[in-house]
């Protein structure tokens, strides 16, 4: 559990993840998300800054108010959804948070098409990568020699960076181009190997069971479907409902209701649908950034003045 400095104010905290979506089971971890306001030193001074506190072991993340508002303006799916957590699910909700909550329409825009669909694609890319590793695991760590490189022809990242910067300004020999191509191929293979090793080392045992049983990461698939459904609701209705109305289906997806091929086709269909969602959405093209900025100034000024009064009285 994160213990903020006493001079900070926690204005919002809620259960997130499966407990928010209504897809939690008896073995589900509890995730927490929240927002805080730092003290005056972080506003007026030049030595201190903070954007968030994170406790990965206990799945808790608290965002500094200005970072939170910026991410919400960008329609970041993991952030903007917190503006729609019903009051009954707030564990902390101060007057400052209520003011943000009541003005959440200022953050909404058609940007949601790109962020929610983009996050869904990111989930699918992860699924695809892990599936490939599961079905066709790399057999050995690549070496420069595998790519025809010697100690004389092996290039550093700085060497490759210099080549990219200069290749359009100077004549480059075919020999150098071949060496660069080999180095790039080797480095890509090495990155793939390192990522695979990291995945194996940090692989969640429960997720591993799902992958081995169904041939792909069905938990990521459940997140993908949820993100698409949330994005659709936000574009059409300007809201996101929690717990999710399709929670039962999301649990079924997590438990292997879709094959990998069905998931792929579903994503293709939704990509076409999102064009229609975007076209018919009544949301503005851009969020009301100026009004959100005024709201941020109002909240922070009020908090800092209150602290100054407290300090004077003490």
Protein backbone atom coordinates (compact mmCIF):
# COMPACT_ATOMS: atom_id res chain seq x y z
CA UNK A 1 0.00 0.00 0.00
CA UNK A 2 1.29 3.45 -0.96
CA UNK A 3 1.70 5.91 1.89
CA UNK A 4 1.74 9.40 0.44
CA UNK A 5 3.65 12.19 2.23
CA UNK A 6 1.44 13.76 4.90
CA UNK A 7 1.55 17.09 3.07
CA UNK A 8 -0.09 15.51 -0.01
CA UNK A 9 -3.85 15.11 -0.40
CA UNK A 10 -5.35 11.92 -1.80
CA UNK A 11 -8.50 13.08 -3.59
CA UNK A 12 -9.59 9.82 -5.21
CA UNK A 13 -9.04 6.10 -4.89
CA UNK A 14 -10.92 3.12 -6.26
CA UNK A 15 -10.59 -0.54 -7.02
CA UNK A 16 -9.67 -0.96 -10.65
CA UNK A 17 -9.16 -3.87 -13.03
CA UNK A 18 -11.42 -6.91 -12.74
CA UNK A 19 -13.08 -5.64 -9.54
CA UNK A 20 -14.19 -2.53 -11.44
CA UNK A 21 -15.22 -4.40 -14.59
CA UNK A 22 -17.17 -7.08 -12.72
CA UNK A 23 -14.96 -9.89 -14.04
CA UNK A 24 -13.18 -10.70 -10.78
CA UNK A 25 -13.00 -14.25 -9.46
CA UNK A 26 -11.93 -15.68 -6.12
CA UNK A 27 -8.28 -15.62 -7.20
CA UNK A 28 -8.30 -12.13 -8.77
CA UNK A 29 -5.77 -9.61 -7.52
CA UNK A 30 -7.07 -6.25 -6.31
CA UNK A 31 -5.79 -3.26 -8.30
CA UNK A 32 -6.08 0.28 -6.99
CA UNK A 33 -5.92 3.59 -8.86
CA UNK A 34 -6.04 7.07 -7.43
CA UNK A 35 -5.25 10.77 -7.78
CA UNK A 36 -3.41 13.09 -5.40
CA UNK A 37 -2.42 16.75 -5.07
CA UNK A 38 1.16 17.41 -3.91
CA UNK A 39 2.14 20.25 -1.59
CA UNK A 40 3.29 23.74 -2.58
CA UNK A 41 6.95 22.76 -2.96
CA UNK A 42 6.03 20.76 -6.06
CA UNK A 43 4.22 23.76 -7.56
CA UNK A 44 6.50 26.65 -6.61
CA UNK A 45 9.92 25.08 -6.09
CA UNK A 46 12.45 23.86 -8.64
CA UNK A 47 14.00 20.93 -6.75
CA UNK A 48 11.05 18.56 -6.45
CA UNK A 49 8.71 16.98 -8.98
CA UNK A 50 6.39 14.01 -8.99
CA UNK A 51 4.01 12.43 -11.48
CA UNK A 52 2.93 9.19 -9.85
CA UNK A 53 3.58 6.65 -7.13
CA UNK A 54 3.51 2.99 -8.02
CA UNK A 55 3.52 -0.15 -5.90
CA UNK A 56 3.80 -3.00 -8.42
CA UNK A 57 3.75 -5.68 -5.74
CA UNK A 58 0.32 -4.55 -4.54
CA UNK A 59 -0.96 -3.33 -7.94
CA UNK A 60 -1.50 0.25 -6.80
CA UNK A 61 -0.86 3.43 -8.81
CA UNK A 62 -1.58 7.00 -7.71
CA UNK A 63 -1.36 9.84 -10.23
CA UNK A 64 -0.45 13.47 -9.57
CA UNK A 65 -3.49 15.54 -10.51
CA UNK A 66 -1.91 17.39 -13.45
CA UNK A 67 -0.61 14.19 -15.03
CA UNK A 68 -3.99 12.54 -14.55
CA UNK A 69 -5.84 15.41 -16.21
CA UNK A 70 -3.43 15.50 -19.16
CA UNK A 71 -3.83 11.75 -19.74
CA UNK A 72 -7.61 12.07 -19.47
CA UNK A 73 -7.57 14.86 -22.08
CA UNK A 74 -5.65 12.49 -24.36
CA UNK A 75 -8.46 9.95 -23.86
CA UNK A 76 -6.06 7.39 -22.40
CA UNK A 77 -8.36 4.36 -21.86
CA UNK A 78 -6.88 3.36 -18.49
CA UNK A 79 -7.32 6.91 -17.21
CA UNK A 80 -10.52 8.25 -18.73
CA UNK A 81 -12.45 5.22 -17.51
CA UNK A 82 -11.79 6.35 -13.93
CA UNK A 83 -13.97 9.41 -14.58
CA UNK A 84 -16.94 7.03 -14.84
CA UNK A 85 -16.42 4.95 -11.71
CA UNK A 86 -19.76 5.22 -9.85
CA UNK A 87 -19.68 6.94 -6.48
CA UNK A 88 -20.68 3.70 -4.75
CA UNK A 89 -17.28 2.28 -5.76
CA UNK A 90 -15.14 5.20 -4.55
CA UNK A 91 -12.93 4.33 -1.60
CA UNK A 92 -11.80 7.96 -1.43
CA UNK A 93 -13.65 10.80 -3.15
CA UNK A 94 -13.11 14.36 -1.93
CA UNK A 95 -14.76 17.61 -3.04
CA UNK A 96 -11.88 18.13 -5.46
CA UNK A 97 -12.53 14.80 -7.12
CA UNK A 98 -16.29 15.39 -7.19
CA UNK A 99 -15.65 18.61 -9.13
CA UNK A 100 -13.62 16.67 -11.71
CA UNK A 101 -16.23 13.91 -11.80
CA UNK A 102 -19.10 16.35 -12.40
CA UNK A 103 -17.16 18.00 -15.24
CA UNK A 104 -16.03 14.80 -16.95
CA UNK A 105 -17.79 15.80 -20.18
CA UNK A 106 -14.99 18.37 -20.68
CA UNK A 107 -12.54 15.52 -21.30
CA UNK A 108 -14.57 13.66 -23.90
CA UNK A 109 -13.75 13.72 -27.60
CA UNK A 110 -13.57 11.62 -30.72
CA UNK A 111 -9.93 10.94 -29.85
CA UNK A 112 -11.40 7.89 -28.11
CA UNK A 113 -11.60 6.15 -31.49
CA UNK A 114 -7.84 6.17 -31.87
CA UNK A 115 -6.87 5.48 -28.27
CA UNK A 116 -9.30 2.66 -27.50
CA UNK A 117 -8.82 0.94 -30.84
CA UNK A 118 -5.08 1.55 -30.58
CA UNK A 119 -4.91 -0.06 -27.15
CA UNK A 120 -6.94 -3.01 -28.48
CA UNK A 121 -4.44 -3.46 -31.31
CA UNK A 122 -1.64 -3.27 -28.75
CA UNK A 123 -3.29 -6.08 -26.80
CA UNK A 124 -3.60 -8.16 -29.97
CA UNK A 125 0.04 -7.56 -30.89
CA UNK A 126 1.01 -8.87 -27.44
CA UNK A 127 -1.26 -11.88 -27.90
CA UNK A 128 0.26 -12.61 -31.32
CA UNK A 129 3.85 -12.30 -30.04
CA UNK A 130 3.24 -14.58 -27.06
CA UNK A 131 1.39 -17.10 -29.24
CA UNK A 132 4.35 -17.24 -31.64
CA UNK A 133 6.71 -17.78 -28.73
CA UNK A 134 4.43 -20.50 -27.41
CA UNK A 135 4.16 -22.34 -30.73
CA UNK A 136 7.58 -21.57 -32.19
CA UNK A 137 9.96 -20.76 -29.32
CA UNK A 138 13.43 -19.47 -30.31
CA UNK A 139 15.86 -22.39 -30.10
CA UNK A 140 19.12 -20.57 -29.39
CA UNK A 141 20.54 -17.16 -28.65
CA UNK A 142 21.59 -15.52 -31.93
CA UNK A 143 25.26 -14.68 -32.43
CA UNK A 144 26.89 -12.18 -34.81
CA UNK A 145 28.45 -15.12 -36.67
CA UNK A 146 24.96 -16.45 -37.49
CA UNK A 147 24.50 -13.31 -39.59
CA UNK A 148 27.89 -13.37 -41.24
CA UNK A 149 29.39 -10.75 -38.97
CA UNK A 150 32.92 -10.66 -37.59
CA UNK A 151 34.52 -8.48 -34.93
CA UNK A 152 35.51 -6.09 -37.73
CA UNK A 153 32.05 -5.80 -39.30
CA UNK A 154 29.92 -5.77 -36.14
CA UNK A 155 28.40 -2.31 -35.53
CA UNK A 156 27.24 -0.62 -32.34
CA UNK A 157 23.89 1.17 -32.00
CA UNK A 158 25.80 4.46 -32.29
CA UNK A 159 27.37 3.26 -35.53
CA UNK A 160 23.95 2.41 -36.96
CA UNK A 161 22.55 5.73 -35.75
CA UNK A 162 25.35 7.58 -37.50
CA UNK A 163 24.69 5.60 -40.69
CA UNK A 164 20.97 6.49 -40.64
CA UNK A 165 21.81 10.16 -40.13
CA UNK A 166 24.32 10.31 -42.99
CA UNK A 167 23.05 7.79 -45.57
CA UNK A 168 21.06 10.41 -47.53
CA UNK A 169 23.89 12.95 -47.50
CA UNK A 170 26.85 10.88 -48.66
CA UNK A 171 27.44 8.09 -51.13
CA UNK A 172 27.20 4.69 -49.45
CA UNK A 173 28.92 1.64 -50.90
CA UNK A 174 27.02 -1.58 -51.50
CA UNK A 175 29.41 -3.38 -49.15
CA UNK A 176 28.52 -1.01 -46.30
CA UNK A 177 24.82 -1.39 -47.02
CA UNK A 178 25.15 -5.18 -46.80
CA UNK A 179 27.02 -4.91 -43.50
CA UNK A 180 24.36 -2.57 -42.10
CA UNK A 181 21.58 -4.96 -43.20
CA UNK A 182 23.31 -7.88 -41.46
CA UNK A 183 23.81 -5.85 -38.28
CA UNK A 184 20.18 -4.80 -38.21
CA UNK A 185 19.03 -8.38 -38.71
CA UNK A 186 21.27 -9.59 -35.89
CA UNK A 187 20.15 -6.85 -33.49
CA UNK A 188 16.48 -7.53 -34.23
CA UNK A 189 16.99 -11.24 -33.57
CA UNK A 190 18.87 -10.47 -30.35
CA UNK A 191 16.10 -8.16 -29.15
CA UNK A 192 13.55 -10.87 -29.91
CA UNK A 193 15.60 -13.42 -27.95
CA UNK A 194 16.01 -11.09 -24.97
CA UNK A 195 12.27 -10.30 -24.96
CA UNK A 196 11.47 -14.01 -25.11
CA UNK A 197 13.76 -14.75 -22.16
CA UNK A 198 12.21 -11.92 -20.13
CA UNK A 199 8.73 -13.20 -20.95
CA UNK A 200 9.64 -16.72 -19.82
CA UNK A 201 11.20 -15.43 -16.61
CA UNK A 202 8.31 -13.15 -15.61
CA UNK A 203 5.47 -15.24 -17.00
CA UNK A 204 2.46 -15.30 -14.69
CA UNK A 205 1.76 -18.98 -13.80
CA UNK A 206 -2.01 -18.57 -14.16
CA UNK A 207 -1.63 -16.84 -17.54
CA UNK A 208 0.77 -19.59 -18.62
CA UNK A 209 -1.91 -22.21 -17.90
CA UNK A 210 -4.43 -20.31 -20.03
CA UNK A 211 -1.94 -19.97 -22.89
CA UNK A 212 -1.06 -23.64 -22.84
CA UNK A 213 -4.70 -24.68 -22.64
CA UNK A 214 -6.12 -22.39 -25.34
CA UNK A 215 -3.06 -21.62 -27.45
CA UNK A 216 -3.02 -17.89 -26.73
CA UNK A 217 -3.39 -15.40 -23.87
CA UNK A 218 -7.14 -15.32 -23.30
CA UNK A 219 -6.83 -12.74 -20.52
CA UNK A 220 -5.37 -10.26 -23.00
CA UNK A 221 -8.22 -11.21 -25.36
CA UNK A 222 -10.75 -10.34 -22.66
CA UNK A 223 -9.07 -6.95 -22.17
CA UNK A 224 -9.14 -6.38 -25.95
CA UNK A 225 -12.90 -7.00 -26.18
CA UNK A 226 -13.55 -4.83 -23.12
CA UNK A 227 -11.54 -1.91 -24.55
CA UNK A 228 -13.47 -2.06 -27.80
CA UNK A 229 -16.83 -2.17 -26.00
CA UNK A 230 -15.86 0.71 -23.72
CA UNK A 231 -14.73 2.76 -26.72
CA UNK A 232 -17.98 2.07 -28.54
CA UNK A 233 -20.06 3.14 -25.52
CA UNK A 234 -17.98 6.27 -24.99
CA UNK A 235 -18.27 7.37 -28.64
CA UNK A 236 -22.01 6.65 -28.83
CA UNK A 237 -23.24 7.64 -25.37
CA UNK A 238 -20.47 9.75 -23.82
CA UNK A 239 -20.23 7.37 -20.88
CA UNK A 240 -18.64 4.11 -19.71
CA UNK A 241 -20.68 1.77 -17.51
CA UNK A 242 -19.18 -0.08 -14.53
CA UNK A 243 -19.40 -2.92 -13.76
CA UNK A 244 -19.32 -3.79 -17.46
CA UNK A 245 -22.68 -4.97 -18.86
CA UNK A 246 -20.85 -7.66 -20.88
CA UNK A 247 -18.87 -8.92 -17.86
CA UNK A 248 -20.20 -12.46 -18.27
CA UNK A 249 -19.03 -12.57 -21.89
CA UNK A 250 -15.63 -11.14 -20.94
CA UNK A 251 -15.21 -13.95 -18.42
CA UNK A 252 -16.21 -16.46 -21.09
CA UNK A 253 -13.57 -15.02 -23.45
CA UNK A 254 -11.00 -15.28 -20.67
CA UNK A 255 -12.01 -18.92 -20.29
CA UNK A 256 -11.45 -19.71 -23.97
CA UNK A 257 -14.83 -18.94 -25.59
CA UNK A 258 -13.07 -17.61 -28.71
CA UNK A 259 -10.44 -19.33 -30.76
CA UNK A 260 -7.44 -17.26 -31.81
CA UNK A 261 -8.83 -17.08 -35.36
CA UNK A 262 -12.24 -15.90 -34.09
CA UNK A 263 -10.58 -13.19 -32.02
CA UNK A 264 -8.63 -12.02 -35.08
CA UNK A 265 -11.82 -11.81 -37.16
CA UNK A 266 -13.66 -10.00 -34.36
CA UNK A 267 -10.95 -7.35 -34.21
CA UNK A 268 -11.18 -6.87 -37.99
CA UNK A 269 -14.95 -6.38 -37.75
CA UNK A 270 -14.62 -3.86 -34.93
CA UNK A 271 -12.01 -1.91 -36.86
CA UNK A 272 -14.61 -1.31 -39.56
CA UNK A 273 -17.31 -0.56 -36.99
CA UNK A 274 -15.16 2.07 -35.29
CA UNK A 275 -15.22 4.13 -38.48
CA UNK A 276 -19.01 4.25 -38.12
CA UNK A 277 -18.76 4.93 -34.36
CA UNK A 278 -16.49 7.88 -35.11
CA UNK A 279 -18.65 9.23 -37.91
CA UNK A 280 -21.90 9.09 -35.91
CA UNK A 281 -20.50 10.14 -32.55
CA UNK A 282 -21.87 13.36 -31.06
CA UNK A 283 -18.66 13.94 -29.13
CA UNK A 284 -16.54 16.96 -30.13
CA UNK A 285 -13.45 16.39 -32.24
CA UNK A 286 -11.26 17.68 -29.41
CA UNK A 287 -11.70 17.88 -25.62
CA UNK A 288 -12.25 21.22 -23.89
CA UNK A 289 -8.63 21.63 -22.80
CA UNK A 290 -8.95 25.30 -21.76
CA UNK A 291 -11.83 24.60 -19.37
CA UNK A 292 -9.99 21.60 -17.93
CA UNK A 293 -6.96 23.83 -17.39
CA UNK A 294 -9.15 26.36 -15.53
CA UNK A 295 -10.59 23.53 -13.45
CA UNK A 296 -7.10 22.32 -12.57
CA UNK A 297 -6.01 25.83 -11.55
CA UNK A 298 -9.16 26.28 -9.45
CA UNK A 299 -8.68 22.99 -7.59
CA UNK A 300 -4.96 23.43 -6.95
CA UNK A 301 -5.27 27.08 -5.91
CA UNK A 302 -8.01 26.23 -3.45
CA UNK A 303 -5.96 23.38 -1.96
CA UNK A 304 -2.77 25.43 -1.62
CA UNK A 305 -4.60 28.39 -0.06
CA UNK A 306 -6.18 26.04 2.45
CA UNK A 307 -2.74 24.70 3.35
CA UNK A 308 -1.37 28.23 3.75
CA UNK A 309 -4.24 29.12 6.12
CA UNK A 310 -3.62 25.97 8.15
CA UNK A 311 0.08 26.75 8.47
CA UNK A 312 -0.64 30.35 9.54
CA UNK A 313 -3.11 29.19 12.19
CA UNK A 314 -0.58 26.72 13.53
